[in-house]
Amino acid sequence: MKLLSNFIAKSDRLLRSNRPKELLSWSLILFCVAVVVGFFAAWVTHIVASIGLITAGTVLAGVALLLFGLVVFPVGIIHGVGIWFGLF
C-alpha cells in the first residue's frame, strides 16, 4: 500500500510541476518541424513528378504543372501529397 501511495504522490508532484508544459512545447515544436519537412518533401515530389511528365513526352502539361506548382507552392504540396496517396 505504501508503494502505491508513493507512486500517487510522485505522479501528483510531476503533474503539478512545469514538465507537462515543457513536454507540450517540445511536442508542438517537433510536430511543426515534421509538418514543414512533410510539406517540403511533398513539394519536391511534385517537382520530380512534373519533370517526369516532361521527359515522358507530355511537355506542355508538365511544364505548366511544374511552373504553377513552383509559383503557387500550395498547389505543388497538394499535388505531391496526392501522388503519395495515389490520387494523381
Protein backbone atom coordinates (compact mmCIF):
# COMPACT_ATOMS: atom_id res chain seq x y z
CA MET A 1 0.00 0.00 0.00
CA LYS A 2 2.88 2.32 0.78
CA LEU A 3 4.27 1.74 -2.71
CA LEU A 4 1.00 2.81 -4.29
CA SER A 5 0.75 5.93 -2.15
CA ASN A 6 4.35 6.87 -3.04
CA PHE A 7 3.57 6.41 -6.74
CA ILE A 8 0.47 8.59 -6.46
CA ALA A 9 2.39 11.29 -4.58
CA LYS A 10 5.18 11.33 -7.19
CA SER A 11 2.66 11.44 -10.01
CA ASP A 12 0.87 14.33 -8.36
CA ARG A 13 4.12 16.28 -7.92
CA LEU A 14 5.05 15.60 -11.54
CA LEU A 15 1.71 16.84 -12.81
CA ARG A 16 1.95 19.98 -10.73
CA SER A 17 5.46 20.76 -11.94
CA ASN A 18 6.38 22.53 -15.16
CA ARG A 19 7.31 19.34 -17.01
CA PRO A 20 3.96 18.89 -18.78
CA LYS A 21 4.24 22.43 -20.14
CA GLU A 22 7.79 21.79 -21.33
CA LEU A 23 6.76 18.49 -22.84
CA LEU A 24 3.86 20.12 -24.64
CA SER A 25 6.05 22.88 -26.04
CA TRP A 26 8.67 20.41 -27.29
CA SER A 27 5.97 18.18 -28.74
CA LEU A 28 4.46 21.14 -30.54
CA ILE A 29 7.84 22.20 -31.90
CA LEU A 30 8.60 18.69 -33.16
CA PHE A 31 5.15 18.44 -34.73
CA CYS A 32 5.61 21.76 -36.55
CA VAL A 33 9.05 20.71 -37.80
CA ALA A 34 7.59 17.41 -39.04
CA VAL A 35 4.81 19.25 -40.88
CA VAL A 36 7.25 21.64 -42.55
CA VAL A 37 9.53 18.76 -43.59
CA GLY A 38 6.50 16.89 -44.93
CA PHE A 39 5.37 19.91 -46.93
CA PHE A 40 8.84 20.31 -48.40
CA ALA A 41 9.00 16.61 -49.29
CA ALA A 42 5.58 16.82 -50.98
CA TRP A 43 6.72 19.88 -52.95
CA VAL A 44 9.89 18.06 -54.09
CA THR A 45 7.73 15.08 -55.07
CA HIS A 46 5.63 17.45 -57.19
CA ILE A 47 8.75 18.78 -58.93
CA VAL A 48 10.10 15.29 -59.65
CA ALA A 49 6.72 14.10 -60.98
CA SER A 50 6.39 17.17 -63.20
CA ILE A 51 9.85 16.61 -64.63
CA GLY A 52 8.82 13.01 -65.20
CA LEU A 53 5.83 14.24 -67.22
CA ILE A 54 8.12 16.43 -69.30
CA THR A 55 10.53 13.59 -70.05
CA ALA A 56 7.65 11.20 -70.83
CA GLY A 57 6.55 13.39 -73.71
CA THR A 58 3.74 15.45 -72.18
CA VAL A 59 5.81 18.60 -72.37
CA LEU A 60 3.11 21.29 -72.24
CA ALA A 61 1.22 19.76 -69.32
CA GLY A 62 4.42 19.00 -67.45
CA VAL A 63 5.84 22.49 -67.85
CA ALA A 64 2.53 24.13 -66.93
CA LEU A 65 2.17 21.98 -63.82
CA LEU A 66 5.79 22.50 -62.87
CA LEU A 67 5.67 26.29 -63.21
CA PHE A 68 2.30 26.60 -61.49
CA GLY A 69 3.47 24.41 -58.60
CA LEU A 70 6.67 26.40 -58.27
CA VAL A 71 4.91 29.77 -58.16
CA VAL A 72 1.86 28.73 -56.15
CA PHE A 73 3.51 26.28 -53.76
CA PRO A 74 0.31 25.01 -52.05
CA VAL A 75 -0.69 23.52 -55.41
CA GLY A 76 2.63 21.70 -55.52
CA ILE A 77 2.17 20.44 -51.96
CA ILE A 78 -1.34 19.18 -52.68
CA HIS A 79 -0.13 17.52 -55.88
CA GLY A 80 2.80 15.90 -54.05
CA VAL A 81 0.60 14.53 -51.26
CA GLY A 82 -1.88 13.34 -53.88
CA ILE A 83 0.93 11.43 -55.60
CA TRP A 84 1.86 9.80 -52.28
CA PHE A 85 -1.69 8.54 -51.80
CA GLY A 86 -2.15 7.53 -55.43
CA LEU A 87 -4.73 10.18 -56.27
CA PHE A 88 -2.82 11.74 -59.18
